Amino acid sequence: MFTGRAYIVNAQALTDSLLLSIGKAAVVAEVNRDPRFALRMLAGMSRRLHGLVRDVQAYALHSGAQRVIGYLLRDESGEDSGTAEAFTVSLPASKATIASRLSLTPEYFSRVLHEFEAAGLIRIDKRDIHILDAKRLATYQSA
């Protein structure tokens, strides 16, 4: 939108979605009207960029099991991280799609989940992954 060149990526919705298309003229007009709008856009793009950099680092530096742990605990890494309280992660897409997102084969992803289940760290119920002990899961070292 801002470079005037064709965008080199595409996207595909994995769940029912509502797509809203906003033209460049409307965005530029809002930036001119309210500079805070531009700052909020920059903040959003910065968060997305940091997330992508974290993903690339994880792919390069972490084992497959560590990437699965990071994915399962990603929303629990705030001020209460390290808590042993149970919670549930509902996978927003198929396990194969999540595995692909983590740069894993579906078979390996499934094997890691079953290893965690056998260790008493999680309970699998289709797309719901019940985290039984987040603290133990965060520090788990696979065999």
Protein backbone atom coordinates (compact mmCIF):
# COMPACT_ATOMS: atom_id res chain seq x y z
CA MET A 1 0.00 0.00 0.00
CA PHE A 2 2.71 2.48 0.94
CA THR A 3 5.40 1.52 -1.57
CA GLY A 4 3.20 1.44 -4.65
CA ARG A 5 4.54 -1.98 -5.58
CA ALA A 6 2.80 -5.35 -5.76
CA TYR A 7 2.72 -7.18 -2.47
CA ILE A 8 4.81 -10.36 -2.51
CA VAL A 9 2.80 -12.48 -0.05
CA ASN A 10 -0.73 -13.75 0.23
CA ALA A 11 -2.99 -15.00 2.98
CA GLN A 12 -5.58 -17.68 3.44
CA ALA A 13 -8.22 -17.74 6.17
CA LEU A 14 -8.15 -20.91 8.26
CA THR A 15 -11.46 -20.22 9.96
CA ASP A 16 -14.61 -18.32 9.07
CA SER A 17 -13.56 -14.70 8.66
CA LEU A 18 -14.85 -11.29 7.72
CA LEU A 19 -12.56 -9.41 5.36
CA LEU A 20 -12.69 -5.64 5.22
CA SER A 21 -10.89 -3.91 2.36
CA ILE A 22 -9.88 -0.31 3.00
CA GLY A 23 -8.49 1.71 0.10
CA LYS A 24 -5.19 3.54 0.20
CA ALA A 25 -6.89 6.94 -0.15
CA ALA A 26 -8.95 6.36 3.01
CA VAL A 27 -5.90 5.25 5.02
CA VAL A 28 -3.78 8.21 3.86
CA ALA A 29 -6.64 10.61 4.62
CA GLU A 30 -6.94 9.21 8.17
CA VAL A 31 -3.15 9.46 8.71
CA ASN A 32 -3.32 13.13 7.68
CA ARG A 33 -6.35 13.77 9.88
CA ASP A 34 -5.04 11.97 13.00
CA PRO A 35 -1.29 11.30 13.37
CA ARG A 36 -2.08 8.98 16.31
CA PHE A 37 -3.66 6.65 13.76
CA ALA A 38 -0.29 6.36 11.99
CA LEU A 39 1.44 5.68 15.31
CA ARG A 40 -1.05 2.90 16.13
CA MET A 41 -0.46 1.39 12.67
CA LEU A 42 3.30 1.54 13.20
CA ALA A 43 2.94 -0.09 16.62
CA GLY A 44 0.86 -2.90 15.12
CA MET A 45 3.37 -3.49 12.33
CA SER A 46 6.20 -3.44 14.86
CA ARG A 47 4.47 -6.09 17.02
CA ARG A 48 3.95 -8.23 13.92
CA LEU A 49 7.61 -7.83 12.87
CA HIS A 50 8.84 -8.76 16.36
CA GLY A 51 6.62 -11.85 16.26
CA LEU A 52 8.04 -12.87 12.90
CA VAL A 53 11.62 -12.38 14.14
CA ARG A 54 10.82 -14.49 17.24
CA ASP A 55 9.45 -17.20 14.94
CA VAL A 56 12.59 -17.22 12.78
CA GLN A 57 14.78 -17.39 15.90
CA ALA A 58 12.71 -20.28 17.26
CA TYR A 59 12.98 -22.21 14.00
CA ALA A 60 16.74 -21.76 13.96
CA LEU A 61 17.57 -22.15 17.65
CA HIS A 62 14.91 -24.29 19.33
CA SER A 63 14.07 -27.97 19.07
CA GLY A 64 10.69 -29.04 17.74
CA ALA A 65 9.49 -29.83 21.26
CA GLN A 66 10.55 -26.37 22.45
CA ARG A 67 8.63 -24.77 19.56
CA VAL A 68 5.49 -26.71 20.53
CA ILE A 69 5.89 -25.63 24.16
CA GLY A 70 6.35 -22.02 23.06
CA TYR A 71 3.22 -22.22 20.92
CA LEU A 72 1.11 -23.75 23.69
CA LEU A 73 2.31 -21.23 26.28
CA ARG A 74 2.44 -18.14 24.02
CA ASP A 75 -0.59 -16.47 25.61
CA GLU A 76 0.56 -17.31 29.14
CA SER A 77 3.89 -15.47 28.95
CA GLY A 78 2.62 -12.28 30.56
CA GLU A 79 2.85 -11.11 34.14
CA ASP A 80 1.60 -14.45 35.52
CA SER A 81 4.10 -16.61 33.65
CA GLY A 82 5.45 -19.52 35.57
CA THR A 83 2.10 -20.24 37.16
CA ALA A 84 1.16 -23.89 37.55
CA GLU A 85 -2.55 -23.21 37.01
CA ALA A 86 -4.33 -25.32 34.40
CA PHE A 87 -5.80 -23.73 31.29
CA THR A 88 -6.92 -24.80 27.83
CA VAL A 89 -5.50 -23.93 24.43
CA SER A 90 -7.99 -24.37 21.60
CA LEU A 91 -6.14 -24.89 18.35
CA PRO A 92 -7.56 -22.42 15.80
CA ALA A 93 -6.77 -24.73 12.88
CA SER A 94 -6.00 -28.36 12.19
CA LYS A 95 -3.02 -29.96 13.89
CA ALA A 96 -1.39 -30.31 10.46
CA THR A 97 -1.72 -26.56 9.90
CA ILE A 98 -0.31 -25.76 13.35
CA ALA A 99 2.57 -28.17 12.70
CA SER A 100 3.31 -26.42 9.42
CA ARG A 101 3.28 -23.05 11.21
CA LEU A 102 5.89 -24.42 13.61
CA SER A 103 7.95 -25.86 10.74
CA LEU A 104 7.27 -29.42 11.89
CA THR A 105 5.77 -32.45 10.21
CA PRO A 106 2.24 -33.31 11.39
CA GLU A 107 3.55 -36.69 12.60
CA TYR A 108 6.28 -35.11 14.72
CA PHE A 109 3.86 -32.52 16.14
CA SER A 110 1.47 -35.33 17.13
CA ARG A 111 4.32 -37.36 18.64
CA VAL A 112 5.43 -34.38 20.76
CA LEU A 113 1.87 -33.76 22.00
CA HIS A 114 1.53 -37.42 22.98
CA GLU A 115 4.91 -37.29 24.74
CA PHE A 116 3.66 -34.31 26.77
CA GLU A 117 0.43 -36.16 27.52
CA ALA A 118 2.32 -39.27 28.68
CA ALA A 119 4.41 -37.05 30.96
CA GLY A 120 1.22 -35.70 32.58
CA LEU A 121 1.77 -32.16 31.28
CA ILE A 122 -1.24 -31.90 28.98
CA ARG A 123 -4.49 -33.67 28.10
CA ILE A 124 -5.55 -33.77 24.46
CA ASP A 125 -9.23 -33.50 23.53
CA LYS A 126 -9.37 -33.08 19.73
CA ARG A 127 -8.43 -29.41 19.14
CA ASP A 128 -8.48 -28.55 22.84
CA ILE A 129 -5.14 -28.98 24.58
CA HIS A 130 -5.59 -28.84 28.35
CA ILE A 131 -2.39 -27.57 29.95
CA LEU A 132 -2.28 -29.31 33.33
CA ASP A 133 0.93 -27.75 34.66
CA ALA A 134 2.26 -24.75 32.73
CA LYS A 135 5.34 -24.39 34.92
CA ARG A 136 6.44 -27.99 34.38
CA LEU A 137 5.64 -27.76 30.68
CA ALA A 138 7.72 -24.59 30.32
CA THR A 139 10.77 -26.34 31.78
CA TYR A 140 10.19 -29.78 30.23
CA GLN A 141 13.17 -31.44 28.57
CA SER A 142 12.17 -34.23 26.21
CA ALA A 143 13.85 -37.58 26.52
